[in-house]
Amino acid sequence: MSHALRLIDWLTRITGYVAAFGILLMIGVILYEVTSRYFFNAPTVWAYDISYMLNGTVIMLAGALAMKVDQHVVIDIVSQVFRERTKRIIEVTVFALLLLPALGFISLIAWSQFWTAYVHGTVETVSPWRPVLWPFRLMIAVGLSILWLQILSKTLASALRLIATPTTPAEGH
């Protein structure tokens, strides 16, 4: 089990590095567009599409890393009231009963949309450049799936800690 959790954490780190590289690419694309538009009066037809696709890719791929390092939004006022063990019980319950099934369903939809775009050669119809959409949809599906794996890893790790940590008398049973 711990080997699988380490593998998921490794995969999460790799996607975090890919997301960071995506930010650098996005900066490069936008700098190129601004330079060509304002200094050479030669705007590109593709920069907007590439930048929104890179932005979406970065957000999707960085989600798992944010979950791994506890940088997602939490309701502080609720979490401050409870003891550590109670917070873990709530986390495991919410993740297992709500977040994992919902995100799993959304991931399946994303994979379906990727496959449809790939098979049919779907293009962005509102763009004059008309890029194919399957690479972008693939990144969305991959990002959501890795986020699902990271949430599963976090849920299992928290559940194992709950099982391994005895209840103190102050916390009750």
C-alpha atoms as a PDB file:
ATOM      1  CA  MET A   1       0.000   0.000   0.000  1.00  0.00           C
ATOM      2  CA  SER A   2       2.739   2.487   0.927  1.00  0.00           C
ATOM      3  CA  HIS A   3       4.464   1.780  -2.402  1.00  0.00           C
ATOM      4  CA  ALA A   4       1.272   2.728  -4.267  1.00  0.00           C
ATOM      5  CA  LEU A   5       0.903   5.911  -2.195  1.00  0.00           C
ATOM      6  CA  ARG A   6       4.530   6.865  -2.920  1.00  0.00           C
ATOM      7  CA  LEU A   7       3.948   6.220  -6.625  1.00  0.00           C
ATOM      8  CA  ILE A   8       0.922   8.533  -6.601  1.00  0.00           C
ATOM      9  CA  ASP A   9       2.938  11.212  -4.772  1.00  0.00           C
ATOM     10  CA  TRP A  10       5.737  10.854  -7.341  1.00  0.00           C
ATOM     11  CA  LEU A  11       3.239  11.192 -10.202  1.00  0.00           C
ATOM     12  CA  THR A  12       1.796  14.264  -8.501  1.00  0.00           C
ATOM     13  CA  ARG A  13       5.250  15.862  -8.239  1.00  0.00           C
ATOM     14  CA  ILE A  14       5.937  15.157 -11.920  1.00  0.00           C
ATOM     15  CA  THR A  15       2.662  16.781 -12.989  1.00  0.00           C
ATOM     16  CA  GLY A  16       3.526  19.724 -10.743  1.00  0.00           C
ATOM     17  CA  TYR A  17       6.803  20.153 -12.646  1.00  0.00           C
ATOM     18  CA  VAL A  18       4.950  19.906 -15.964  1.00  0.00           C
ATOM     19  CA  ALA A  19       2.511  22.573 -14.733  1.00  0.00           C
ATOM     20  CA  ALA A  20       5.412  24.843 -13.758  1.00  0.00           C
ATOM     21  CA  PHE A  21       6.921  24.375 -17.211  1.00  0.00           C
ATOM     22  CA  GLY A  22       3.501  25.181 -18.696  1.00  0.00           C
ATOM     23  CA  ILE A  23       3.563  28.524 -16.894  1.00  0.00           C
ATOM     24  CA  LEU A  24       6.923  29.300 -18.494  1.00  0.00           C
ATOM     25  CA  LEU A  25       5.557  28.330 -21.914  1.00  0.00           C
ATOM     26  CA  MET A  26       2.506  30.518 -21.362  1.00  0.00           C
ATOM     27  CA  ILE A  27       4.714  33.484 -20.445  1.00  0.00           C
ATOM     28  CA  GLY A  28       6.748  32.886 -23.604  1.00  0.00           C
ATOM     29  CA  VAL A  29       3.652  32.724 -25.812  1.00  0.00           C
ATOM     30  CA  ILE A  30       2.216  35.921 -24.338  1.00  0.00           C
ATOM     31  CA  LEU A  31       5.547  37.753 -24.596  1.00  0.00           C
ATOM     32  CA  TYR A  32       5.838  36.667 -28.217  1.00  0.00           C
ATOM     33  CA  GLU A  33       2.308  37.881 -28.953  1.00  0.00           C
ATOM     34  CA  VAL A  34       2.819  41.250 -27.246  1.00  0.00           C
ATOM     35  CA  THR A  35       6.163  41.776 -28.973  1.00  0.00           C
ATOM     36  CA  SER A  36       4.915  40.842 -32.427  1.00  0.00           C
ATOM     37  CA  ARG A  37       1.684  42.833 -32.005  1.00  0.00           C
ATOM     38  CA  TYR A  38       3.040  46.081 -30.568  1.00  0.00           C
ATOM     39  CA  PHE A  39       6.591  46.236 -31.923  1.00  0.00           C
ATOM     40  CA  PHE A  40       6.155  44.662 -35.353  1.00  0.00           C
ATOM     41  CA  ASN A  41       2.434  45.240 -35.965  1.00  0.00           C
ATOM     42  CA  ALA A  42       2.077  41.528 -36.748  1.00  0.00           C
ATOM     43  CA  PRO A  43      -0.319  39.901 -34.275  1.00  0.00           C
ATOM     44  CA  THR A  44      -0.538  36.133 -34.197  1.00  0.00           C
ATOM     45  CA  VAL A  45      -3.699  34.172 -34.818  1.00  0.00           C
ATOM     46  CA  TRP A  46      -2.730  31.387 -32.416  1.00  0.00           C
ATOM     47  CA  ALA A  47      -1.451  33.046 -29.212  1.00  0.00           C
ATOM     48  CA  TYR A  48      -4.842  33.457 -27.534  1.00  0.00           C
ATOM     49  CA  ASP A  49      -5.773  29.814 -28.121  1.00  0.00           C
ATOM     50  CA  ILE A  50      -2.416  28.494 -26.956  1.00  0.00           C
ATOM     51  CA  SER A  51      -2.441  30.698 -23.845  1.00  0.00           C
ATOM     52  CA  TYR A  52      -5.931  29.664 -22.704  1.00  0.00           C
ATOM     53  CA  MET A  53      -5.125  26.005 -23.364  1.00  0.00           C
ATOM     54  CA  LEU A  54      -1.863  26.275 -21.442  1.00  0.00           C
ATOM     55  CA  ASN A  55      -3.631  28.103 -18.613  1.00  0.00           C
ATOM     56  CA  GLY A  56      -6.272  25.379 -18.364  1.00  0.00           C
ATOM     57  CA  THR A  57      -3.587  22.698 -18.519  1.00  0.00           C
ATOM     58  CA  VAL A  58      -1.593  24.349 -15.727  1.00  0.00           C
ATOM     59  CA  ILE A  59      -4.664  24.615 -13.508  1.00  0.00           C
ATOM     60  CA  MET A  60      -5.669  20.990 -14.118  1.00  0.00           C
ATOM     61  CA  LEU A  61      -2.172  19.578 -13.611  1.00  0.00           C
ATOM     62  CA  ALA A  62      -1.399  21.701 -10.542  1.00  0.00           C
ATOM     63  CA  GLY A  63      -4.555  20.661  -8.686  1.00  0.00           C
ATOM     64  CA  ALA A  64      -3.084  17.378  -7.460  1.00  0.00           C
ATOM     65  CA  LEU A  65       0.062  19.072  -6.157  1.00  0.00           C
ATOM     66  CA  ALA A  66      -2.035  21.681  -4.358  1.00  0.00           C
ATOM     67  CA  MET A  67      -3.980  18.840  -2.722  1.00  0.00           C
ATOM     68  CA  LYS A  68      -0.775  17.012  -1.775  1.00  0.00           C
ATOM     69  CA  VAL A  69       0.708  20.026   0.010  1.00  0.00           C
ATOM     70  CA  ASP A  70      -2.613  21.144   1.586  1.00  0.00           C
ATOM     71  CA  GLN A  71      -2.992  24.339  -0.422  1.00  0.00           C
ATOM     72  CA  HIS A  72      -6.643  23.892  -1.358  1.00  0.00           C
ATOM     73  CA  VAL A  73      -9.311  26.080   0.180  1.00  0.00           C
ATOM     74  CA  VAL A  74     -10.634  24.838   3.521  1.00  0.00           C
ATOM     75  CA  ILE A  75     -13.279  26.200   5.853  1.00  0.00           C
ATOM     76  CA  ASP A  76     -10.999  27.397   8.663  1.00  0.00           C
ATOM     77  CA  ILE A  77     -13.729  28.309  11.098  1.00  0.00           C
ATOM     78  CA  VAL A  78     -14.996  24.721  11.030  1.00  0.00           C
ATOM     79  CA  SER A  79     -11.593  23.054  11.119  1.00  0.00           C
ATOM     80  CA  GLN A  80     -10.411  25.136  14.103  1.00  0.00           C
ATOM     81  CA  VAL A  81     -13.274  23.885  16.278  1.00  0.00           C
ATOM     82  CA  PHE A  82     -12.395  20.194  16.017  1.00  0.00           C
ATOM     83  CA  ARG A  83      -9.523  18.145  17.367  1.00  0.00           C
ATOM     84  CA  GLU A  84      -7.070  16.566  14.950  1.00  0.00           C
ATOM     85  CA  ARG A  85      -8.668  13.109  15.066  1.00  0.00           C
ATOM     86  CA  THR A  86     -12.146  14.530  14.395  1.00  0.00           C
ATOM     87  CA  LYS A  87     -10.792  16.563  11.468  1.00  0.00           C
ATOM     88  CA  ARG A  88      -9.276  13.390  10.002  1.00  0.00           C
ATOM     89  CA  ILE A  89     -12.557  11.505  10.407  1.00  0.00           C
ATOM     90  CA  ILE A  90     -14.425  14.320   8.634  1.00  0.00           C
ATOM     91  CA  GLU A  91     -11.768  14.461   5.898  1.00  0.00           C
ATOM     92  CA  VAL A  92     -11.860  10.712   5.249  1.00  0.00           C
ATOM     93  CA  THR A  93     -15.659  10.676   5.249  1.00  0.00           C
ATOM     94  CA  VAL A  94     -16.090  13.671   2.938  1.00  0.00           C
ATOM     95  CA  PHE A  95     -13.357  12.532   0.575  1.00  0.00           C
ATOM     96  CA  ALA A  96     -14.579   8.931   0.409  1.00  0.00           C
ATOM     97  CA  LEU A  97     -18.307   9.601   0.182  1.00  0.00           C
ATOM     98  CA  LEU A  98     -18.463  12.864  -1.770  1.00  0.00           C
ATOM     99  CA  LEU A  99     -15.267  14.015  -3.422  1.00  0.00           C
ATOM    100  CA  LEU A 100     -13.910  10.745  -4.827  1.00  0.00           C
ATOM    101  CA  PRO A 101     -17.193   9.638  -6.456  1.00  0.00           C
ATOM    102  CA  ALA A 102     -17.948  13.119  -7.844  1.00  0.00           C
ATOM    103  CA  LEU A 103     -14.437  13.684  -9.183  1.00  0.00           C
ATOM    104  CA  GLY A 104     -14.347  10.145 -10.566  1.00  0.00           C
ATOM    105  CA  PHE A 105     -17.548  10.843 -12.486  1.00  0.00           C
ATOM    106  CA  ILE A 106     -16.220  14.173 -13.785  1.00  0.00           C
ATOM    107  CA  SER A 107     -12.959  12.461 -14.806  1.00  0.00           C
ATOM    108  CA  LEU A 108     -14.872   9.855 -16.795  1.00  0.00           C
ATOM    109  CA  ILE A 109     -16.741  12.632 -18.599  1.00  0.00           C
ATOM    110  CA  ALA A 110     -13.427  14.376 -19.333  1.00  0.00           C
ATOM    111  CA  TRP A 111     -11.961  11.156 -20.776  1.00  0.00           C
ATOM    112  CA  SER A 112     -15.082  10.725 -22.901  1.00  0.00           C
ATOM    113  CA  GLN A 113     -14.797  14.294 -24.202  1.00  0.00           C
ATOM    114  CA  PHE A 114     -11.116  13.765 -24.985  1.00  0.00           C
ATOM    115  CA  TRP A 115     -11.869  10.571 -26.896  1.00  0.00           C
ATOM    116  CA  THR A 116     -14.720  12.177 -28.837  1.00  0.00           C
ATOM    117  CA  ALA A 117     -12.517  15.142 -29.778  1.00  0.00           C
ATOM    118  CA  TYR A 118      -9.709  12.799 -30.817  1.00  0.00           C
ATOM    119  CA  VAL A 119     -11.872  10.470 -32.913  1.00  0.00           C
ATOM    120  CA  HIS A 120     -13.811  13.260 -34.630  1.00  0.00           C
ATOM    121  CA  GLY A 121     -10.933  15.717 -34.948  1.00  0.00           C
ATOM    122  CA  THR A 122     -12.906  18.394 -33.107  1.00  0.00           C
ATOM    123  CA  VAL A 123     -11.539  21.904 -33.604  1.00  0.00           C
ATOM    124  CA  GLU A 124     -12.127  25.175 -31.761  1.00  0.00           C
ATOM    125  CA  THR A 125     -14.839  26.697 -33.940  1.00  0.00           C
ATOM    126  CA  VAL A 126     -14.773  30.250 -32.556  1.00  0.00           C
ATOM    127  CA  SER A 127     -11.088  30.688 -33.289  1.00  0.00           C
ATOM    128  CA  PRO A 128      -9.777  31.763 -36.686  1.00  0.00           C
ATOM    129  CA  TRP A 129      -6.816  29.425 -36.067  1.00  0.00           C
ATOM    130  CA  ARG A 130      -9.156  26.461 -35.418  1.00  0.00           C
ATOM    131  CA  PRO A 131      -6.785  24.289 -33.352  1.00  0.00           C
ATOM    132  CA  VAL A 132      -7.674  20.674 -32.632  1.00  0.00           C
ATOM    133  CA  LEU A 133      -9.040  20.290 -29.108  1.00  0.00           C
ATOM    134  CA  TRP A 134      -8.008  16.765 -28.187  1.00  0.00           C
ATOM    135  CA  PRO A 135      -4.583  17.676 -26.692  1.00  0.00           C
ATOM    136  CA  PHE A 136      -6.220  20.224 -24.395  1.00  0.00           C
ATOM    137  CA  ARG A 137      -9.003  17.843 -23.427  1.00  0.00           C
ATOM    138  CA  LEU A 138      -6.410  15.131 -22.793  1.00  0.00           C
ATOM    139  CA  MET A 139      -4.641  17.402 -20.306  1.00  0.00           C
ATOM    140  CA  ILE A 140      -7.932  18.124 -18.545  1.00  0.00           C
ATOM    141  CA  ALA A 141      -8.657  14.393 -18.251  1.00  0.00           C
ATOM    142  CA  VAL A 142      -5.121  13.611 -17.063  1.00  0.00           C
ATOM    143  CA  GLY A 143      -5.175  16.438 -14.517  1.00  0.00           C
ATOM    144  CA  LEU A 144      -8.541  15.398 -13.104  1.00  0.00           C
ATOM    145  CA  SER A 145      -7.457  11.757 -12.932  1.00  0.00           C
ATOM    146  CA  ILE A 146      -4.229  12.568 -11.110  1.00  0.00           C
ATOM    147  CA  LEU A 147      -6.165  14.806  -8.722  1.00  0.00           C
ATOM    148  CA  TRP A 148      -8.519  11.856  -8.103  1.00  0.00           C
ATOM    149  CA  LEU A 149      -5.518   9.607  -7.406  1.00  0.00           C
ATOM    150  CA  GLN A 150      -4.017  12.187  -5.032  1.00  0.00           C
ATOM    151  CA  ILE A 151      -7.295  12.508  -3.137  1.00  0.00           C
ATOM    152  CA  LEU A 152      -7.463   8.711  -2.935  1.00  0.00           C
ATOM    153  CA  SER A 153      -3.889   8.664  -1.611  1.00  0.00           C
ATOM    154  CA  LYS A 154      -4.668  11.344   0.952  1.00  0.00           C
ATOM    155  CA  THR A 155      -7.854   9.540   2.011  1.00  0.00           C
ATOM    156  CA  LEU A 156      -6.048   6.224   2.455  1.00  0.00           C
ATOM    157  CA  ALA A 157      -3.141   7.835   4.315  1.00  0.00           C
ATOM    158  CA  SER A 158      -5.532   9.647   6.668  1.00  0.00           C
ATOM    159  CA  ALA A 159      -7.550   6.464   7.223  1.00  0.00           C
ATOM    160  CA  LEU A 160      -4.372   4.508   8.005  1.00  0.00           C
ATOM    161  CA  ARG A 161      -3.300   7.216  10.481  1.00  0.00           C
ATOM    162  CA  LEU A 162      -6.719   7.054  12.118  1.00  0.00           C
ATOM    163  CA  ILE A 163      -6.461   3.302  12.506  1.00  0.00           C
ATOM    164  CA  ALA A 164      -2.875   3.443  13.787  1.00  0.00           C
ATOM    165  CA  THR A 165      -3.459   6.293  16.273  1.00  0.00           C
ATOM    166  CA  PRO A 166      -5.288   5.273  19.422  1.00  0.00           C
ATOM    167  CA  THR A 167      -8.046   7.491  20.783  1.00  0.00           C
ATOM    168  CA  THR A 168      -6.980   9.554  23.780  1.00  0.00           C
ATOM    169  CA  PRO A 169      -9.326   9.821  26.786  1.00  0.00           C
ATOM    170  CA  ALA A 170      -9.791  13.568  26.138  1.00  0.00           C
ATOM    171  CA  GLU A 171     -11.090  12.859  22.627  1.00  0.00           C
ATOM    172  CA  GLY A 172     -13.488  10.118  23.623  1.00  0.00           C
ATOM    173  CA  HIS A 173     -14.502   7.137  21.510  1.00  0.00           C
END
